[in-house]
Amino acid sequence: MSEWILPLASIALANLLGAMSPGPAFVLVLRTALAHGREAAWAPIAGLAVGAATWAAAALWGLQSLFAALPWLARALPLAGGAFLVHFAWRIWRAASDPSPAAERGEGPRAGFGEALLLQVSNPKVMVFFGSVFMAVLPPQLPAAIEVAILAMIVAVEFAWYGTVAAVFGSATARAAHGRAKAWIDRAMAVLLAALGARLLLSPLLG
């Protein structure tokens, strides 16, 4: 079992660095924590973790071959993700001047989980990332126990990092600052999400 410590640690570190890079997942958790508090952020964090584990499992079990056989599917997923991000950005922009959190208008934890899961699974680049890391540090054949350990570790890393983000930005001080500048902060987040969404929508042209 000791021979797996270094590969598993390498995967955990790569996963952590990937999660820490700014992107729509970070913005989603950040905004949820600022608007509704750290407790409300656990729903989207769970969605992100499940989505990451789903793509990691796909990388482990060879879903790349399906994308090779059906290239239109690999192109369609980024387009779906881009459309979702643009729509989500529009919702944030529209509600930027609203002093009441979106959760008070009927959006609950289930919606946050679903949004985060859709965000994660509509980006096949997550699977490409895991596939590259796995090919670099793992042998072709893995014991089932190691596969389960990898998936559990990825979920744990997602919860640890985004939980830290939620704890920091869901504090009373951060939420008070957000309340004073909510319109500007939300619009900045909306612009960032729209830019990321446009990048995904244009990915077939950018190559």
N, C-alpha and C. Protein backbone atom coordinates (compact mmCIF):
# COMPACT_ATOMS: atom_id res chain seq x y z
N MET A 1 0.83 -1.22 0.00
CA MET A 1 0.00 0.00 0.00
C MET A 1 0.86 1.26 0.00
N SER A 2 2.08 1.16 0.58
CA SER A 2 2.93 2.34 0.68
C SER A 2 3.33 2.87 -0.70
N GLU A 3 3.34 1.98 -1.72
CA GLU A 3 3.76 2.43 -3.04
C GLU A 3 2.75 3.39 -3.69
N TRP A 4 1.55 3.47 -3.11
CA TRP A 4 0.52 4.35 -3.65
C TRP A 4 0.52 5.73 -3.00
N ILE A 5 1.32 5.91 -1.94
CA ILE A 5 1.27 7.18 -1.20
C ILE A 5 1.69 8.35 -2.09
N LEU A 6 2.80 8.21 -2.80
CA LEU A 6 3.29 9.31 -3.64
C LEU A 6 2.34 9.61 -4.80
N PRO A 7 1.84 8.60 -5.55
CA PRO A 7 0.88 8.92 -6.61
C PRO A 7 -0.39 9.60 -6.10
N LEU A 8 -0.92 9.10 -4.97
CA LEU A 8 -2.13 9.70 -4.43
C LEU A 8 -1.88 11.12 -3.96
N ALA A 9 -0.72 11.35 -3.34
CA ALA A 9 -0.38 12.71 -2.90
C ALA A 9 -0.22 13.63 -4.10
N SER A 10 0.34 13.14 -5.18
CA SER A 10 0.51 13.95 -6.39
C SER A 10 -0.84 14.33 -6.98
N ILE A 11 -1.78 13.37 -7.00
CA ILE A 11 -3.12 13.66 -7.51
C ILE A 11 -3.82 14.68 -6.62
N ALA A 12 -3.68 14.51 -5.30
CA ALA A 12 -4.32 15.45 -4.37
C ALA A 12 -3.78 16.86 -4.56
N LEU A 13 -2.46 16.99 -4.73
CA LEU A 13 -1.86 18.31 -4.92
C LEU A 13 -2.31 18.93 -6.24
N ALA A 14 -2.32 18.13 -7.31
CA ALA A 14 -2.76 18.66 -8.60
C ALA A 14 -4.22 19.09 -8.54
N ASN A 15 -5.05 18.30 -7.88
CA ASN A 15 -6.47 18.64 -7.72
C ASN A 15 -6.64 19.93 -6.95
N LEU A 16 -5.84 20.09 -5.87
CA LEU A 16 -5.92 21.30 -5.05
C LEU A 16 -5.51 22.53 -5.86
N LEU A 17 -4.41 22.43 -6.60
CA LEU A 17 -3.95 23.56 -7.40
C LEU A 17 -4.96 23.90 -8.49
N GLY A 18 -5.57 22.87 -9.08
CA GLY A 18 -6.60 23.12 -10.08
C GLY A 18 -7.81 23.81 -9.50
N ALA A 19 -8.24 23.38 -8.32
CA ALA A 19 -9.39 24.00 -7.66
C ALA A 19 -9.09 25.44 -7.26
N MET A 20 -7.84 25.70 -6.88
CA MET A 20 -7.46 27.03 -6.41
C MET A 20 -7.36 28.05 -7.54
N SER A 21 -7.21 27.59 -8.77
CA SER A 21 -7.13 28.54 -9.88
C SER A 21 -8.47 29.23 -10.06
N PRO A 22 -8.48 30.56 -10.20
CA PRO A 22 -9.75 31.28 -10.30
C PRO A 22 -10.57 30.81 -11.50
N GLY A 23 -11.85 30.66 -11.29
CA GLY A 23 -12.75 30.21 -12.33
C GLY A 23 -14.19 30.31 -11.87
N PRO A 24 -15.13 29.82 -12.67
CA PRO A 24 -16.55 29.94 -12.31
C PRO A 24 -16.92 29.22 -11.02
N ALA A 25 -16.26 28.09 -10.72
CA ALA A 25 -16.57 27.38 -9.48
C ALA A 25 -16.23 28.25 -8.27
N PHE A 26 -15.06 28.90 -8.33
CA PHE A 26 -14.66 29.78 -7.24
C PHE A 26 -15.65 30.94 -7.09
N VAL A 27 -16.05 31.53 -8.23
CA VAL A 27 -16.98 32.65 -8.18
C VAL A 27 -18.31 32.22 -7.59
N LEU A 28 -18.78 31.04 -7.95
CA LEU A 28 -20.06 30.55 -7.44
C LEU A 28 -20.03 30.39 -5.93
N VAL A 29 -18.99 29.76 -5.41
CA VAL A 29 -18.88 29.58 -3.96
C VAL A 29 -18.70 30.92 -3.26
N LEU A 30 -17.87 31.77 -3.84
CA LEU A 30 -17.61 33.09 -3.26
C LEU A 30 -18.90 33.89 -3.14
N ARG A 31 -19.65 33.95 -4.22
CA ARG A 31 -20.88 34.75 -4.20
C ARG A 31 -21.91 34.18 -3.24
N THR A 32 -22.02 32.85 -3.20
CA THR A 32 -22.97 32.23 -2.30
C THR A 32 -22.63 32.54 -0.85
N ALA A 33 -21.34 32.43 -0.52
CA ALA A 33 -20.92 32.71 0.86
C ALA A 33 -21.14 34.17 1.22
N LEU A 34 -20.83 35.08 0.31
CA LEU A 34 -21.00 36.50 0.58
C LEU A 34 -22.47 36.86 0.74
N ALA A 35 -23.31 36.30 -0.12
CA ALA A 35 -24.72 36.69 -0.12
C ALA A 35 -25.52 36.00 0.97
N HIS A 36 -25.22 34.73 1.23
CA HIS A 36 -26.08 33.93 2.11
C HIS A 36 -25.39 33.33 3.32
N GLY A 37 -24.06 33.46 3.41
CA GLY A 37 -23.35 32.90 4.55
C GLY A 37 -22.70 31.57 4.22
N ARG A 38 -21.79 31.17 5.09
CA ARG A 38 -20.99 29.97 4.82
C ARG A 38 -21.83 28.70 4.80
N GLU A 39 -22.90 28.64 5.61
CA GLU A 39 -23.71 27.42 5.63
C GLU A 39 -24.36 27.17 4.27
N ALA A 40 -24.84 28.26 3.63
CA ALA A 40 -25.51 28.11 2.34
C ALA A 40 -24.55 27.65 1.26
N ALA A 41 -23.25 27.87 1.44
CA ALA A 41 -22.27 27.51 0.42
C ALA A 41 -22.04 26.01 0.34
N TRP A 42 -22.44 25.25 1.37
CA TRP A 42 -22.17 23.81 1.35
C TRP A 42 -22.92 23.10 0.23
N ALA A 43 -24.08 23.61 -0.18
CA ALA A 43 -24.82 22.97 -1.27
C ALA A 43 -24.06 23.06 -2.59
N PRO A 44 -23.64 24.27 -3.04
CA PRO A 44 -22.84 24.30 -4.27
C PRO A 44 -21.50 23.59 -4.13
N ILE A 45 -20.90 23.62 -2.95
CA ILE A 45 -19.63 22.89 -2.77
C ILE A 45 -19.85 21.40 -3.01
N ALA A 46 -20.95 20.87 -2.48
CA ALA A 46 -21.26 19.45 -2.71
C ALA A 46 -21.47 19.17 -4.19
N GLY A 47 -22.14 20.09 -4.90
CA GLY A 47 -22.34 19.91 -6.33
C GLY A 47 -21.02 19.90 -7.09
N LEU A 48 -20.12 20.80 -6.72
CA LEU A 48 -18.80 20.83 -7.37
C LEU A 48 -18.02 19.55 -7.09
N ALA A 49 -18.10 19.06 -5.86
CA ALA A 49 -17.37 17.84 -5.50
C ALA A 49 -17.90 16.64 -6.26
N VAL A 50 -19.22 16.52 -6.36
CA VAL A 50 -19.82 15.41 -7.10
C VAL A 50 -19.46 15.50 -8.57
N GLY A 51 -19.49 16.73 -9.12
CA GLY A 51 -19.13 16.90 -10.52
C GLY A 51 -17.67 16.54 -10.79
N ALA A 52 -16.77 16.97 -9.91
CA ALA A 52 -15.35 16.65 -10.08
C ALA A 52 -15.13 15.14 -9.98
N ALA A 53 -15.79 14.49 -9.02
CA ALA A 53 -15.65 13.04 -8.88
C ALA A 53 -16.22 12.31 -10.10
N THR A 54 -17.30 12.85 -10.68
CA THR A 54 -17.88 12.24 -11.88
C THR A 54 -16.89 12.26 -13.03
N TRP A 55 -16.24 13.41 -13.25
CA TRP A 55 -15.27 13.49 -14.34
C TRP A 55 -14.02 12.67 -14.03
N ALA A 56 -13.62 12.63 -12.76
CA ALA A 56 -12.47 11.80 -12.40
C ALA A 56 -12.76 10.32 -12.66
N ALA A 57 -13.98 9.90 -12.32
CA ALA A 57 -14.37 8.51 -12.59
C ALA A 57 -14.38 8.25 -14.09
N ALA A 58 -14.87 9.23 -14.86
CA ALA A 58 -14.88 9.07 -16.32
C ALA A 58 -13.46 8.93 -16.86
N ALA A 59 -12.53 9.72 -16.30
CA ALA A 59 -11.13 9.62 -16.73
C ALA A 59 -10.54 8.27 -16.36
N LEU A 60 -10.87 7.78 -15.17
CA LEU A 60 -10.36 6.48 -14.74
C LEU A 60 -10.90 5.35 -15.61
N TRP A 61 -12.14 5.47 -16.04
CA TRP A 61 -12.80 4.36 -16.73
C TRP A 61 -12.88 4.55 -18.23
N GLY A 62 -12.09 5.51 -18.76
CA GLY A 62 -11.89 5.57 -20.20
C GLY A 62 -12.95 6.27 -21.00
N LEU A 63 -13.59 7.30 -20.46
CA LEU A 63 -14.60 8.01 -21.23
C LEU A 63 -13.98 8.79 -22.39
N GLN A 64 -12.66 8.99 -22.34
CA GLN A 64 -12.01 9.68 -23.46
C GLN A 64 -12.29 8.98 -24.78
N SER A 65 -12.41 7.64 -24.73
CA SER A 65 -12.67 6.89 -25.96
C SER A 65 -14.04 7.23 -26.53
N LEU A 66 -15.01 7.51 -25.65
CA LEU A 66 -16.34 7.91 -26.12
C LEU A 66 -16.27 9.26 -26.83
N PHE A 67 -15.52 10.20 -26.26
CA PHE A 67 -15.38 11.50 -26.89
C PHE A 67 -14.63 11.38 -28.22
N ALA A 68 -13.69 10.43 -28.29
CA ALA A 68 -12.97 10.22 -29.55
C ALA A 68 -13.92 9.67 -30.62
N ALA A 69 -14.85 8.80 -30.18
CA ALA A 69 -15.81 8.23 -31.12
C ALA A 69 -16.93 9.21 -31.47
N LEU A 70 -17.27 10.09 -30.52
CA LEU A 70 -18.34 11.07 -30.72
C LEU A 70 -17.79 12.47 -30.47
N PRO A 71 -17.02 13.01 -31.38
CA PRO A 71 -16.42 14.33 -31.14
C PRO A 71 -17.43 15.45 -30.96
N TRP A 72 -18.63 15.27 -31.53
CA TRP A 72 -19.65 16.30 -31.36
C TRP A 72 -20.05 16.45 -29.89
N LEU A 73 -19.98 15.35 -29.13
CA LEU A 73 -20.34 15.41 -27.72
C LEU A 73 -19.32 16.23 -26.94
N ALA A 74 -18.04 16.06 -27.26
CA ALA A 74 -17.00 16.85 -26.60
C ALA A 74 -17.14 18.33 -26.93
N ARG A 75 -17.67 18.64 -28.12
CA ARG A 75 -17.87 20.05 -28.49
C ARG A 75 -19.15 20.61 -27.88
N ALA A 76 -20.16 19.75 -27.71
CA ALA A 76 -21.45 20.23 -27.22
C ALA A 76 -21.40 20.58 -25.73
N LEU A 77 -20.63 19.85 -24.95
CA LEU A 77 -20.59 20.10 -23.52
C LEU A 77 -20.04 21.49 -23.18
N PRO A 78 -18.92 21.93 -23.77
CA PRO A 78 -18.48 23.31 -23.49
C PRO A 78 -19.48 24.36 -23.91
N LEU A 79 -20.21 24.11 -25.01
CA LEU A 79 -21.23 25.07 -25.45
C LEU A 79 -22.35 25.16 -24.42
N ALA A 80 -22.75 24.00 -23.88
CA ALA A 80 -23.79 24.00 -22.84
C ALA A 80 -23.29 24.73 -21.60
N GLY A 81 -22.04 24.47 -21.23
CA GLY A 81 -21.48 25.15 -20.07
C GLY A 81 -21.38 26.65 -20.28
N GLY A 82 -20.97 27.06 -21.49
CA GLY A 82 -20.88 28.49 -21.78
C GLY A 82 -22.22 29.17 -21.73
N ALA A 83 -23.25 28.53 -22.29
CA ALA A 83 -24.59 29.10 -22.26
C ALA A 83 -25.09 29.22 -20.83
N PHE A 84 -24.80 28.21 -20.01
CA PHE A 84 -25.22 28.26 -18.61
C PHE A 84 -24.53 29.41 -17.89
N LEU A 85 -23.23 29.59 -18.11
CA LEU A 85 -22.50 30.67 -17.44
C LEU A 85 -23.01 32.05 -17.85
N VAL A 86 -23.29 32.23 -19.12
CA VAL A 86 -23.83 33.51 -19.58
C VAL A 86 -25.19 33.77 -18.95
N HIS A 87 -26.03 32.75 -18.91
CA HIS A 87 -27.34 32.89 -18.28
C HIS A 87 -27.21 33.21 -16.79
N PHE A 88 -26.30 32.52 -16.12
CA PHE A 88 -26.09 32.75 -14.69
C PHE A 88 -25.56 34.16 -14.46
N ALA A 89 -24.66 34.62 -15.34
CA ALA A 89 -24.13 35.98 -15.22
C ALA A 89 -25.24 37.02 -15.38
N TRP A 90 -26.13 36.76 -16.32
CA TRP A 90 -27.26 37.70 -16.54
C TRP A 90 -28.14 37.76 -15.30
N ARG A 91 -28.38 36.62 -14.67
CA ARG A 91 -29.20 36.60 -13.44
C ARG A 91 -28.54 37.41 -12.33
N ILE A 92 -27.22 37.25 -12.18
CA ILE A 92 -26.50 38.00 -11.14
C ILE A 92 -26.54 39.50 -11.44
N TRP A 93 -26.31 39.87 -12.70
CA TRP A 93 -26.33 41.29 -13.08
C TRP A 93 -27.71 41.89 -12.82
N ARG A 94 -28.75 41.16 -13.19
CA ARG A 94 -30.11 41.67 -13.04
C ARG A 94 -30.46 41.90 -11.58
N ALA A 95 -29.93 41.05 -10.69
CA ALA A 95 -30.25 41.17 -9.26
C ALA A 95 -29.21 41.95 -8.48
N ALA A 96 -28.24 42.56 -9.18
CA ALA A 96 -27.13 43.21 -8.48
C ALA A 96 -27.61 44.34 -7.57
N SER A 97 -28.62 45.10 -8.01
CA SER A 97 -29.09 46.23 -7.20
C SER A 97 -30.18 45.84 -6.22
N ASP A 98 -30.54 44.56 -6.19
CA ASP A 98 -31.57 44.07 -5.27
C ASP A 98 -30.94 43.85 -3.90
N PRO A 99 -31.42 44.51 -2.86
CA PRO A 99 -30.79 44.32 -1.54
C PRO A 99 -31.09 42.97 -0.91
N SER A 100 -32.12 42.29 -1.39
CA SER A 100 -32.48 41.01 -0.78
C SER A 100 -31.77 39.88 -1.50
N PRO A 101 -31.20 38.91 -0.75
CA PRO A 101 -30.51 37.79 -1.39
C PRO A 101 -31.45 36.98 -2.27
N ALA A 102 -30.86 36.35 -3.26
CA ALA A 102 -31.67 35.53 -4.17
C ALA A 102 -32.36 34.40 -3.44
N ALA A 103 -31.77 33.91 -2.35
CA ALA A 103 -32.36 32.79 -1.62
C ALA A 103 -33.73 33.16 -1.07
N GLU A 104 -33.97 34.45 -0.83
CA GLU A 104 -35.25 34.85 -0.29
C GLU A 104 -36.34 34.83 -1.35
N ARG A 105 -35.94 34.61 -2.61
CA ARG A 105 -36.93 34.56 -3.68
C ARG A 105 -37.19 33.12 -4.10
N GLY A 106 -36.92 32.19 -3.21
CA GLY A 106 -37.32 30.81 -3.45
C GLY A 106 -36.22 29.88 -3.88
N GLU A 107 -34.97 30.36 -3.97
CA GLU A 107 -33.87 29.49 -4.35
C GLU A 107 -33.25 28.90 -3.09
N GLY A 108 -33.22 27.57 -3.01
CA GLY A 108 -32.71 26.93 -1.81
C GLY A 108 -31.47 26.13 -2.08
N PRO A 109 -31.06 25.32 -1.10
CA PRO A 109 -29.84 24.51 -1.25
C PRO A 109 -29.87 23.59 -2.47
N ARG A 110 -31.05 23.05 -2.79
CA ARG A 110 -31.12 22.13 -3.93
C ARG A 110 -30.74 22.85 -5.23
N ALA A 111 -31.20 24.11 -5.37
CA ALA A 111 -30.86 24.88 -6.57
C ALA A 111 -29.36 25.14 -6.62
N GLY A 112 -28.75 25.46 -5.47
CA GLY A 112 -27.31 25.69 -5.44
C GLY A 112 -26.52 24.45 -5.80
N PHE A 113 -26.95 23.31 -5.33
CA PHE A 113 -26.29 22.05 -5.67
C PHE A 113 -26.41 21.78 -7.16
N GLY A 114 -27.61 21.94 -7.70
CA GLY A 114 -27.83 21.67 -9.12
C GLY A 114 -27.03 22.59 -10.02
N GLU A 115 -26.99 23.87 -9.68
CA GLU A 115 -26.23 24.83 -10.48
C GLU A 115 -24.74 24.46 -10.50
N ALA A 116 -24.21 24.13 -9.33
CA ALA A 116 -22.79 23.79 -9.25
C ALA A 116 -22.49 22.50 -9.99
N LEU A 117 -23.36 21.52 -9.86
CA LEU A 117 -23.16 20.24 -10.56
C LEU A 117 -23.20 20.45 -12.06
N LEU A 118 -24.17 21.24 -12.54
CA LEU A 118 -24.26 21.52 -13.97
C LEU A 118 -23.03 22.26 -14.45
N LEU A 119 -22.57 23.20 -13.64
CA LEU A 119 -21.36 23.95 -13.98
C LEU A 119 -20.17 23.02 -14.16
N GLN A 120 -20.03 22.05 -13.28
CA GLN A 120 -18.87 21.15 -13.32
C GLN A 120 -18.97 20.12 -14.44
N VAL A 121 -20.14 19.51 -14.61
CA VAL A 121 -20.24 18.43 -15.59
C VAL A 121 -20.34 18.95 -17.02
N SER A 122 -20.62 20.24 -17.20
CA SER A 122 -20.69 20.79 -18.56
C SER A 122 -19.32 21.24 -19.05
N ASN A 123 -18.28 20.94 -18.29
CA ASN A 123 -16.92 21.32 -18.69
C ASN A 123 -16.04 20.07 -18.79
N PRO A 124 -15.96 19.45 -19.97
CA PRO A 124 -15.16 18.23 -20.10
C PRO A 124 -13.67 18.46 -19.92
N LYS A 125 -13.23 19.74 -19.88
CA LYS A 125 -11.82 20.01 -19.63
C LYS A 125 -11.41 19.52 -18.24
N VAL A 126 -12.38 19.39 -17.33
CA VAL A 126 -12.08 18.83 -16.01
C VAL A 126 -11.64 17.39 -16.16
N MET A 127 -12.34 16.63 -17.04
CA MET A 127 -11.96 15.24 -17.26
C MET A 127 -10.59 15.16 -17.95
N VAL A 128 -10.34 16.06 -18.91
CA VAL A 128 -9.04 16.07 -19.57
C VAL A 128 -7.94 16.32 -18.56
N PHE A 129 -8.19 17.24 -17.62
CA PHE A 129 -7.21 17.53 -16.57
C PHE A 129 -6.92 16.28 -15.76
N PHE A 130 -7.99 15.62 -15.28
CA PHE A 130 -7.78 14.42 -14.47
C PHE A 130 -7.12 13.33 -15.30
N GLY A 131 -7.55 13.17 -16.54
CA GLY A 131 -6.95 12.15 -17.38
C GLY A 131 -5.46 12.35 -17.56
N SER A 132 -5.04 13.61 -17.75
CA SER A 132 -3.62 13.91 -17.91
C SER A 132 -2.84 13.59 -16.64
N VAL A 133 -3.41 13.98 -15.50
CA VAL A 133 -2.74 13.72 -14.22
C VAL A 133 -2.65 12.22 -13.96
N PHE A 134 -3.75 11.52 -14.23
CA PHE A 134 -3.76 10.07 -13.97
C PHE A 134 -2.74 9.36 -14.86
N MET A 135 -2.65 9.77 -16.13
CA MET A 135 -1.70 9.12 -17.04
C MET A 135 -0.27 9.38 -16.59
N ALA A 136 -0.04 10.53 -15.97
CA ALA A 136 1.32 10.89 -15.57
C ALA A 136 1.78 10.13 -14.33
N VAL A 137 0.86 9.78 -13.43
CA VAL A 137 1.30 9.23 -12.14
C VAL A 137 0.77 7.83 -11.83
N LEU A 138 -0.16 7.31 -12.65
CA LEU A 138 -0.77 6.02 -12.32
C LEU A 138 -0.47 4.98 -13.38
N PRO A 139 -0.36 3.72 -12.99
CA PRO A 139 -0.21 2.63 -13.97
C PRO A 139 -1.54 2.38 -14.69
N PRO A 140 -1.52 1.66 -15.81
CA PRO A 140 -2.76 1.45 -16.57
C PRO A 140 -3.84 0.71 -15.79
N GLN A 141 -3.46 -0.27 -15.01
CA GLN A 141 -4.42 -1.08 -14.26
C GLN A 141 -4.34 -0.72 -12.78
N LEU A 142 -5.50 -0.42 -12.19
CA LEU A 142 -5.55 -0.02 -10.78
C LEU A 142 -6.44 -0.97 -9.99
N PRO A 143 -6.06 -1.27 -8.76
CA PRO A 143 -6.98 -2.00 -7.88
C PRO A 143 -8.23 -1.17 -7.62
N ALA A 144 -9.35 -1.83 -7.45
CA ALA A 144 -10.61 -1.12 -7.23
C ALA A 144 -10.53 -0.24 -5.99
N ALA A 145 -9.82 -0.71 -4.96
CA ALA A 145 -9.71 0.07 -3.72
C ALA A 145 -8.99 1.38 -3.97
N ILE A 146 -8.00 1.39 -4.86
CA ILE A 146 -7.26 2.62 -5.17
C ILE A 146 -8.15 3.58 -5.95
N GLU A 147 -8.95 3.05 -6.87
CA GLU A 147 -9.87 3.91 -7.60
C GLU A 147 -10.85 4.59 -6.66
N VAL A 148 -11.39 3.83 -5.72
CA VAL A 148 -12.31 4.41 -4.74
C VAL A 148 -11.59 5.46 -3.89
N ALA A 149 -10.36 5.15 -3.51
CA ALA A 149 -9.58 6.10 -2.70
C ALA A 149 -9.33 7.40 -3.46
N ILE A 150 -9.07 7.31 -4.76
CA ILE A 150 -8.83 8.50 -5.57
C ILE A 150 -10.08 9.36 -5.62
N LEU A 151 -11.22 8.74 -5.87
CA LEU A 151 -12.47 9.50 -5.95
C LEU A 151 -12.81 10.15 -4.61
N ALA A 152 -12.61 9.40 -3.52
CA ALA A 152 -12.89 9.96 -2.19
C ALA A 152 -11.95 11.11 -1.88
N MET A 153 -10.71 11.00 -2.30
CA MET A 153 -9.73 12.05 -2.06
C MET A 153 -10.09 13.32 -2.83
N ILE A 154 -10.54 13.15 -4.06
CA ILE A 154 -10.93 14.31 -4.87
C ILE A 154 -12.11 15.04 -4.22
N VAL A 155 -13.09 14.28 -3.74
CA VAL A 155 -14.23 14.89 -3.04
C VAL A 155 -13.73 15.64 -1.80
N ALA A 156 -12.82 15.02 -1.06
CA ALA A 156 -12.31 15.65 0.16
C ALA A 156 -11.57 16.94 -0.14
N VAL A 157 -10.76 16.95 -1.21
CA VAL A 157 -10.01 18.15 -1.58
C VAL A 157 -10.96 19.27 -1.99
N GLU A 158 -11.99 18.93 -2.76
CA GLU A 158 -12.97 19.95 -3.18
C GLU A 158 -13.66 20.56 -1.96
N PHE A 159 -14.08 19.72 -1.03
CA PHE A 159 -14.74 20.22 0.18
C PHE A 159 -13.77 21.06 1.01
N ALA A 160 -12.53 20.62 1.11
CA ALA A 160 -11.56 21.34 1.95
C ALA A 160 -11.27 22.73 1.39
N TRP A 161 -11.00 22.82 0.07
CA TRP A 161 -10.65 24.12 -0.50
C TRP A 161 -11.85 25.07 -0.52
N TYR A 162 -12.95 24.60 -1.11
CA TYR A 162 -14.10 25.49 -1.23
C TYR A 162 -14.75 25.76 0.13
N GLY A 163 -14.61 24.81 1.06
CA GLY A 163 -15.06 25.07 2.42
C GLY A 163 -14.26 26.18 3.07
N THR A 164 -12.97 26.22 2.79
CA THR A 164 -12.13 27.31 3.30
C THR A 164 -12.55 28.64 2.70
N VAL A 165 -12.82 28.64 1.39
CA VAL A 165 -13.30 29.87 0.73
C VAL A 165 -14.60 30.34 1.37
N ALA A 166 -15.51 29.40 1.61
CA ALA A 166 -16.79 29.77 2.21
C ALA A 166 -16.61 30.29 3.63
N ALA A 167 -15.70 29.68 4.38
CA ALA A 167 -15.48 30.12 5.77
C ALA A 167 -14.91 31.54 5.81
N VAL A 168 -14.00 31.84 4.88
CA VAL A 168 -13.38 33.17 4.87
C VAL A 168 -14.37 34.23 4.39
N PHE A 169 -15.02 33.97 3.29
CA PHE A 169 -15.88 35.00 2.70
C PHE A 169 -17.32 34.95 3.23
N GLY A 170 -17.63 33.94 4.02
CA GLY A 170 -18.94 33.89 4.65
C GLY A 170 -18.94 34.48 6.04
N SER A 171 -17.81 35.06 6.46
CA SER A 171 -17.72 35.67 7.78
C SER A 171 -18.57 36.93 7.84
N ALA A 172 -18.88 37.37 9.04
CA ALA A 172 -19.71 38.55 9.21
C ALA A 172 -19.05 39.79 8.61
N THR A 173 -17.73 39.89 8.76
CA THR A 173 -17.01 41.05 8.23
C THR A 173 -17.08 41.09 6.71
N ALA A 174 -16.83 39.95 6.06
CA ALA A 174 -16.87 39.90 4.60
C ALA A 174 -18.28 40.15 4.08
N ARG A 175 -19.27 39.61 4.75
CA ARG A 175 -20.65 39.81 4.30
C ARG A 175 -21.09 41.25 4.49
N ALA A 176 -20.61 41.90 5.55
CA ALA A 176 -20.94 43.31 5.75
C ALA A 176 -20.33 44.17 4.65
N ALA A 177 -19.08 43.87 4.28
CA ALA A 177 -18.43 44.60 3.20
C ALA A 177 -19.16 44.37 1.88
N HIS A 178 -19.58 43.14 1.66
CA HIS A 178 -20.35 42.83 0.45
C HIS A 178 -21.66 43.60 0.43
N GLY A 179 -22.32 43.70 1.57
CA GLY A 179 -23.58 44.43 1.64
C GLY A 179 -23.43 45.89 1.28
N ARG A 180 -22.29 46.47 1.64
CA ARG A 180 -22.07 47.90 1.36
C ARG A 180 -21.76 48.14 -0.12
N ALA A 181 -21.21 47.15 -0.78
CA ALA A 181 -20.82 47.33 -2.19
C ALA A 181 -21.40 46.22 -3.06
N LYS A 182 -22.58 45.74 -2.70
CA LYS A 182 -23.16 44.58 -3.36
C LYS A 182 -23.30 44.76 -4.87
N ALA A 183 -23.82 45.90 -5.28
CA ALA A 183 -24.08 46.11 -6.71
C ALA A 183 -22.79 46.02 -7.52
N TRP A 184 -21.72 46.69 -7.04
CA TRP A 184 -20.46 46.68 -7.78
C TRP A 184 -19.83 45.30 -7.78
N ILE A 185 -19.85 44.61 -6.63
CA ILE A 185 -19.23 43.29 -6.53
C ILE A 185 -19.98 42.29 -7.41
N ASP A 186 -21.31 42.30 -7.33
CA ASP A 186 -22.09 41.35 -8.12
C ASP A 186 -21.92 41.60 -9.62
N ARG A 187 -21.86 42.86 -10.01
CA ARG A 187 -21.68 43.15 -11.44
C ARG A 187 -20.29 42.74 -11.91
N ALA A 188 -19.29 42.91 -11.06
CA ALA A 188 -17.95 42.45 -11.43
C ALA A 188 -17.93 40.93 -11.60
N MET A 189 -18.60 40.21 -10.68
CA MET A 189 -18.69 38.76 -10.80
C MET A 189 -19.45 38.36 -12.06
N ALA A 190 -20.52 39.10 -12.37
CA ALA A 190 -21.31 38.79 -13.56
C ALA A 190 -20.47 38.96 -14.83
N VAL A 191 -19.67 40.02 -14.88
CA VAL A 191 -18.81 40.25 -16.04
C VAL A 191 -17.79 39.12 -16.18
N LEU A 192 -17.20 38.69 -15.05
CA LEU A 192 -16.22 37.61 -15.09
C LEU A 192 -16.86 36.31 -15.57
N LEU A 193 -18.04 35.99 -15.04
CA LEU A 193 -18.72 34.76 -15.46
C LEU A 193 -19.12 34.83 -16.93
N ALA A 194 -19.59 36.00 -17.38
CA ALA A 194 -19.97 36.14 -18.78
C ALA A 194 -18.75 35.97 -19.69
N ALA A 195 -17.60 36.50 -19.26
CA ALA A 195 -16.37 36.34 -20.05
C ALA A 195 -15.95 34.88 -20.13
N LEU A 196 -16.05 34.17 -19.00
CA LEU A 196 -15.71 32.74 -19.00
C LEU A 196 -16.69 31.96 -19.87
N GLY A 197 -17.98 32.32 -19.80
CA GLY A 197 -18.97 31.66 -20.63
C GLY A 197 -18.73 31.92 -22.10
N ALA A 198 -18.41 33.18 -22.45
CA ALA A 198 -18.14 33.50 -23.86
C ALA A 198 -16.92 32.72 -24.36
N ARG A 199 -15.94 32.54 -23.49
CA ARG A 199 -14.75 31.78 -23.89
C ARG A 199 -15.13 30.33 -24.22
N LEU A 200 -16.00 29.74 -23.41
CA LEU A 200 -16.45 28.38 -23.71
C LEU A 200 -17.26 28.33 -25.00
N LEU A 201 -18.14 29.32 -25.20
CA LEU A 201 -18.97 29.35 -26.40
C LEU A 201 -18.12 29.52 -27.65
N LEU A 202 -17.00 30.24 -27.52
CA LEU A 202 -16.13 30.47 -28.67
C LEU A 202 -15.04 29.41 -28.80
N SER A 203 -15.02 28.45 -27.88
CA SER A 203 -13.94 27.45 -27.89
C SER A 203 -13.83 26.68 -29.21
N PRO A 204 -14.96 26.37 -29.93
CA PRO A 204 -14.78 25.70 -31.22
C PRO A 204 -14.01 26.54 -32.23
N LEU A 205 -14.14 27.88 -32.13
CA LEU A 205 -13.42 28.75 -33.05
C LEU A 205 -11.98 28.99 -32.62
N LEU A 206 -11.77 28.99 -31.28
CA LEU A 206 -10.43 29.26 -30.75
C LEU A 206 -9.54 28.04 -30.85
N GLY A 207 -10.17 26.84 -30.91
CA GLY A 207 -9.39 25.61 -31.01
C GLY A 207 -8.92 25.09 -29.69
